[in-house]
Every structure is written in C-alpha cells, then in structure tokens.
Amino acid sequence: MTMVPLLSILAVFAWSAGPQVLRERWRTKKGRAAICLACLAVLLLLFNWGTELWRDADKITQLIGPYGNQSYFSY
C-alpha cells in the first residue's frame, strides 16, 4: 500500500504522455528492456492479486453475505 502513491504518479505520467513516449523508449535497447520489465512486473502483480483473491474467496463471500459484519475473523 505504501507504493500506491508513487506508482499512481508514474501511471498518470504514462497515461498523460501517451504512446509517443513509449515509442521513443522502444527505439533504444535500454528503453525496450525497461518496458518489458514493467510489463513483467504488472503481470506478476496481477497474478499475485488473483491468487490472493482466489485463496480468500470463501472469506470474501462470507464478508459480502448477509451477516458479514459478524464474521469475527482473527486478524
């Protein structure tokens, strides 16, 4: 959670700069490596979040249920 503000700043920069910056980066060898590593990091994060949601699906279902406020998990 502490990295979200930093990553959001980078995401806004990438979103507002658009594809022109990515095309410029893709032309150099270091830029290609950076883009590939960033894509790999995003894929690994998505995989991690997906497996965590899959693992905790029963708890999430219980929390969303009618008596979710009375789950009393041992956090």
N, C-alpha and C. Protein backbone atom coordinates (compact mmCIF):
# COMPACT_ATOMS: atom_id res chain seq x y z
N MET A 1 0.82 -1.20 0.00
CA MET A 1 0.00 0.00 0.00
C MET A 1 0.85 1.26 0.00
N THR A 2 2.03 1.17 0.55
CA THR A 2 2.84 2.38 0.60
C THR A 2 3.38 2.78 -0.77
N MET A 3 3.38 1.87 -1.71
CA MET A 3 3.89 2.18 -3.05
C MET A 3 2.81 2.74 -3.96
N VAL A 4 1.56 2.71 -3.56
CA VAL A 4 0.46 3.16 -4.42
C VAL A 4 0.61 4.63 -4.83
N PRO A 5 0.93 5.55 -3.90
CA PRO A 5 1.09 6.95 -4.36
C PRO A 5 2.22 7.11 -5.38
N LEU A 6 3.32 6.45 -5.18
CA LEU A 6 4.42 6.54 -6.13
C LEU A 6 4.03 5.94 -7.47
N LEU A 7 3.42 4.78 -7.45
CA LEU A 7 3.02 4.14 -8.70
C LEU A 7 1.92 4.93 -9.41
N SER A 8 1.05 5.58 -8.65
CA SER A 8 -0.01 6.36 -9.30
C SER A 8 0.57 7.58 -10.01
N ILE A 9 1.61 8.18 -9.46
CA ILE A 9 2.26 9.30 -10.15
C ILE A 9 2.86 8.83 -11.46
N LEU A 10 3.53 7.69 -11.44
CA LEU A 10 4.11 7.15 -12.66
C LEU A 10 3.04 6.75 -13.67
N ALA A 11 1.94 6.21 -13.18
CA ALA A 11 0.85 5.82 -14.07
C ALA A 11 0.21 7.04 -14.74
N VAL A 12 0.04 8.10 -13.98
CA VAL A 12 -0.54 9.33 -14.56
C VAL A 12 0.41 9.90 -15.60
N PHE A 13 1.70 9.87 -15.33
CA PHE A 13 2.66 10.36 -16.32
C PHE A 13 2.60 9.53 -17.59
N ALA A 14 2.56 8.21 -17.45
CA ALA A 14 2.49 7.35 -18.63
C ALA A 14 1.18 7.55 -19.37
N TRP A 15 0.08 7.75 -18.64
CA TRP A 15 -1.22 7.92 -19.28
C TRP A 15 -1.30 9.26 -20.01
N SER A 16 -0.78 10.32 -19.38
CA SER A 16 -0.89 11.64 -20.00
C SER A 16 0.12 11.84 -21.12
N ALA A 17 1.28 11.21 -21.03
CA ALA A 17 2.28 11.37 -22.08
C ALA A 17 1.88 10.62 -23.33
N GLY A 18 1.16 9.53 -23.16
CA GLY A 18 0.64 8.80 -24.29
C GLY A 18 1.65 7.88 -24.96
N PRO A 19 1.27 7.37 -26.08
CA PRO A 19 2.10 6.40 -26.79
C PRO A 19 3.39 6.99 -27.38
N GLN A 20 3.47 8.30 -27.50
CA GLN A 20 4.67 8.89 -28.07
C GLN A 20 5.90 8.58 -27.23
N VAL A 21 5.74 8.66 -25.92
CA VAL A 21 6.87 8.38 -25.03
C VAL A 21 7.25 6.91 -25.11
N LEU A 22 6.26 6.05 -25.20
CA LEU A 22 6.56 4.62 -25.31
C LEU A 22 7.29 4.31 -26.62
N ARG A 23 6.87 4.97 -27.70
CA ARG A 23 7.56 4.76 -28.97
C ARG A 23 9.00 5.24 -28.92
N GLU A 24 9.22 6.37 -28.26
CA GLU A 24 10.59 6.87 -28.12
C GLU A 24 11.43 5.92 -27.28
N ARG A 25 10.86 5.40 -26.20
CA ARG A 25 11.59 4.46 -25.35
C ARG A 25 11.88 3.16 -26.08
N TRP A 26 10.95 2.71 -26.90
CA TRP A 26 11.09 1.42 -27.58
C TRP A 26 12.25 1.43 -28.57
N ARG A 27 12.66 2.59 -29.02
CA ARG A 27 13.73 2.69 -30.02
C ARG A 27 15.11 2.34 -29.46
N THR A 28 15.29 2.52 -28.15
CA THR A 28 16.59 2.21 -27.56
C THR A 28 16.55 0.85 -26.89
N LYS A 29 17.72 0.27 -26.74
CA LYS A 29 17.80 -1.06 -26.12
C LYS A 29 17.42 -1.00 -24.64
N LYS A 30 17.89 0.03 -23.95
CA LYS A 30 17.53 0.18 -22.53
C LYS A 30 16.04 0.46 -22.36
N GLY A 31 15.49 1.24 -23.26
CA GLY A 31 14.05 1.53 -23.20
C GLY A 31 13.21 0.30 -23.40
N ARG A 32 13.61 -0.55 -24.36
CA ARG A 32 12.90 -1.81 -24.59
C ARG A 32 12.94 -2.69 -23.35
N ALA A 33 14.13 -2.75 -22.73
CA ALA A 33 14.27 -3.57 -21.52
C ALA A 33 13.40 -3.02 -20.40
N ALA A 34 13.34 -1.70 -20.26
CA ALA A 34 12.52 -1.08 -19.21
C ALA A 34 11.04 -1.37 -19.43
N ILE A 35 10.60 -1.26 -20.67
CA ILE A 35 9.18 -1.52 -20.97
C ILE A 35 8.85 -2.98 -20.73
N CYS A 36 9.73 -3.88 -21.14
CA CYS A 36 9.49 -5.31 -20.93
C CYS A 36 9.48 -5.65 -19.44
N LEU A 37 10.39 -5.06 -18.68
CA LEU A 37 10.40 -5.31 -17.24
C LEU A 37 9.16 -4.74 -16.56
N ALA A 38 8.70 -3.59 -17.01
CA ALA A 38 7.48 -3.01 -16.45
C ALA A 38 6.27 -3.90 -16.75
N CYS A 39 6.19 -4.41 -17.97
CA CYS A 39 5.09 -5.31 -18.32
C CYS A 39 5.15 -6.60 -17.50
N LEU A 40 6.35 -7.12 -17.31
CA LEU A 40 6.51 -8.32 -16.49
C LEU A 40 6.09 -8.06 -15.05
N ALA A 41 6.46 -6.90 -14.52
CA ALA A 41 6.07 -6.56 -13.15
C ALA A 41 4.56 -6.45 -13.02
N VAL A 42 3.91 -5.86 -14.00
CA VAL A 42 2.45 -5.75 -13.98
C VAL A 42 1.80 -7.13 -14.03
N LEU A 43 2.31 -8.00 -14.89
CA LEU A 43 1.76 -9.35 -14.98
C LEU A 43 1.95 -10.13 -13.68
N LEU A 44 3.11 -9.99 -13.06
CA LEU A 44 3.34 -10.67 -11.78
C LEU A 44 2.44 -10.13 -10.69
N LEU A 45 2.22 -8.82 -10.66
CA LEU A 45 1.31 -8.25 -9.67
C LEU A 45 -0.12 -8.73 -9.88
N LEU A 46 -0.56 -8.77 -11.13
CA LEU A 46 -1.92 -9.26 -11.41
C LEU A 46 -2.06 -10.72 -11.02
N PHE A 47 -1.03 -11.52 -11.29
CA PHE A 47 -1.06 -12.93 -10.90
C PHE A 47 -1.12 -13.06 -9.38
N ASN A 48 -0.32 -12.26 -8.67
CA ASN A 48 -0.31 -12.31 -7.21
C ASN A 48 -1.67 -11.91 -6.64
N TRP A 49 -2.24 -10.82 -7.14
CA TRP A 49 -3.54 -10.38 -6.64
C TRP A 49 -4.62 -11.40 -6.96
N GLY A 50 -4.56 -12.00 -8.12
CA GLY A 50 -5.54 -13.03 -8.49
C GLY A 50 -5.47 -14.24 -7.59
N THR A 51 -4.25 -14.70 -7.29
CA THR A 51 -4.12 -15.86 -6.41
C THR A 51 -4.55 -15.54 -4.99
N GLU A 52 -4.31 -14.31 -4.52
CA GLU A 52 -4.77 -13.93 -3.19
C GLU A 52 -6.28 -13.88 -3.12
N LEU A 53 -6.91 -13.35 -4.16
CA LEU A 53 -8.37 -13.33 -4.19
C LEU A 53 -8.94 -14.74 -4.26
N TRP A 54 -8.30 -15.61 -5.01
CA TRP A 54 -8.73 -17.00 -5.12
C TRP A 54 -8.60 -17.71 -3.77
N ARG A 55 -7.49 -17.45 -3.09
CA ARG A 55 -7.25 -18.10 -1.80
C ARG A 55 -8.25 -17.63 -0.75
N ASP A 56 -8.63 -16.36 -0.79
CA ASP A 56 -9.53 -15.81 0.22
C ASP A 56 -10.96 -15.70 -0.27
N ALA A 57 -11.33 -16.45 -1.29
CA ALA A 57 -12.67 -16.35 -1.87
C ALA A 57 -13.74 -16.71 -0.85
N ASP A 58 -13.49 -17.72 -0.01
CA ASP A 58 -14.50 -18.09 0.98
C ASP A 58 -14.70 -16.99 2.01
N LYS A 59 -13.64 -16.33 2.42
CA LYS A 59 -13.76 -15.24 3.39
C LYS A 59 -14.44 -14.03 2.77
N ILE A 60 -14.13 -13.74 1.52
CA ILE A 60 -14.76 -12.61 0.84
C ILE A 60 -16.25 -12.87 0.66
N THR A 61 -16.59 -14.10 0.32
CA THR A 61 -18.00 -14.45 0.18
C THR A 61 -18.73 -14.31 1.51
N GLN A 62 -18.07 -14.72 2.57
CA GLN A 62 -18.69 -14.59 3.90
C GLN A 62 -18.85 -13.13 4.29
N LEU A 63 -17.86 -12.29 3.96
CA LEU A 63 -17.95 -10.87 4.30
C LEU A 63 -19.04 -10.15 3.52
N ILE A 64 -19.26 -10.56 2.27
CA ILE A 64 -20.27 -9.92 1.45
C ILE A 64 -21.67 -10.43 1.79
N GLY A 65 -21.74 -11.56 2.47
CA GLY A 65 -23.02 -12.17 2.81
C GLY A 65 -23.82 -11.33 3.79
N PRO A 66 -25.01 -11.82 4.15
CA PRO A 66 -25.92 -11.03 4.98
C PRO A 66 -25.39 -10.79 6.40
N TYR A 67 -24.56 -11.67 6.92
CA TYR A 67 -24.02 -11.48 8.27
C TYR A 67 -22.51 -11.30 8.23
N GLY A 68 -22.03 -10.58 7.23
CA GLY A 68 -20.61 -10.36 7.07
C GLY A 68 -19.99 -9.54 8.19
N ASN A 69 -20.79 -8.67 8.79
CA ASN A 69 -20.26 -7.86 9.89
C ASN A 69 -20.09 -8.66 11.17
N GLN A 70 -20.58 -9.89 11.19
CA GLN A 70 -20.43 -10.74 12.35
C GLN A 70 -19.49 -11.92 12.07
N SER A 71 -18.56 -11.72 11.17
CA SER A 71 -17.64 -12.81 10.79
C SER A 71 -16.62 -13.08 11.89
N TYR A 72 -16.16 -12.03 12.56
CA TYR A 72 -15.20 -12.13 13.66
C TYR A 72 -13.94 -12.88 13.24
N PHE A 73 -13.31 -12.42 12.16
CA PHE A 73 -12.04 -13.00 11.76
C PHE A 73 -10.95 -12.62 12.75
N SER A 74 -9.97 -13.48 12.90
CA SER A 74 -8.86 -13.19 13.81
C SER A 74 -7.74 -12.50 13.01
N TYR A 75 -7.86 -11.24 12.84
CA TYR A 75 -6.88 -10.50 12.04
C TYR A 75 -5.56 -10.41 12.75
